[in-house]
Amino acid sequence: MKNKKRILILSDLILVLVIIAVVICFWNKPKAVEGDEPAFTPVLEPNAVVQTDGMDQTAEQIEGIRIPGYPRITVEADTTDVIMNLKNPEGNPCYFTFEIVLTDENETIYVSKMVEPGKAVTNVTLSRALNKGEYPAMIKITTTSLTDGLPMNGANVETTIVAQ
C-alpha cells in the first residue's frame, strides 16, 4: 500500500514538473505581432533582363495580368543554349515562372525561376537539344503575387517551336 502511494505521489510530481516546463516554454516565447508574418522572398531568374514594352506611361493601366502570346518560337537546332523571349510584361502584379513542355512527348524541356514584371528571359538552356523540325509545345506560365507570394491566375500558351 505504501509503494502504491509513493508511486502515485511521484507520478503526480512528474506531471506537475512537465506542466511547469511547458508553461515556462510558452511564457518565454516572443509574442507575435499582427502583420509579423515571415516576408515573402522570391527566387528570381538570374538570367532575366530588363525589357520595356514601349507603352506610353500616360496610357490607361490595364487591370489584371497581361499574358504574351507565342505563336512560333524559332531556335537553333542541335544545341541546348538557345535564344528566345519569355517576357513578363511591365505593370503585371506578379512574377512569372515559365515551363516549356513538348506536347507530343509531354516532356518538360525548360523551367525558369521567377521573372519580374518588365523583364524577360532571353538566354534559355534546354534540358536537351532539339533536332531540326517543328515541335508543338505548351508554355505554362505560373504567376505569383509580388507582395505575398500567393499563386494567382496562370496560363497555358500553345506554340510551335521551330528548330533550324
Foldseek 3Di string as FASTA:
>chain_A
DVVVVVVVVVVVVVVVVVVVVVVVVVVPDDDDDPVNPDFDDFDEFPQKDFAAPPDDPVDDQDPAFDADAAAEAEWAAPFQWTFDWAARAAPHQWWKWKWKAQVVVRHTFFITGTYDHRITRTTTGTNGGHHADKTWIWIWIWIAGPGHRHTDDTDIHIYIYGHD
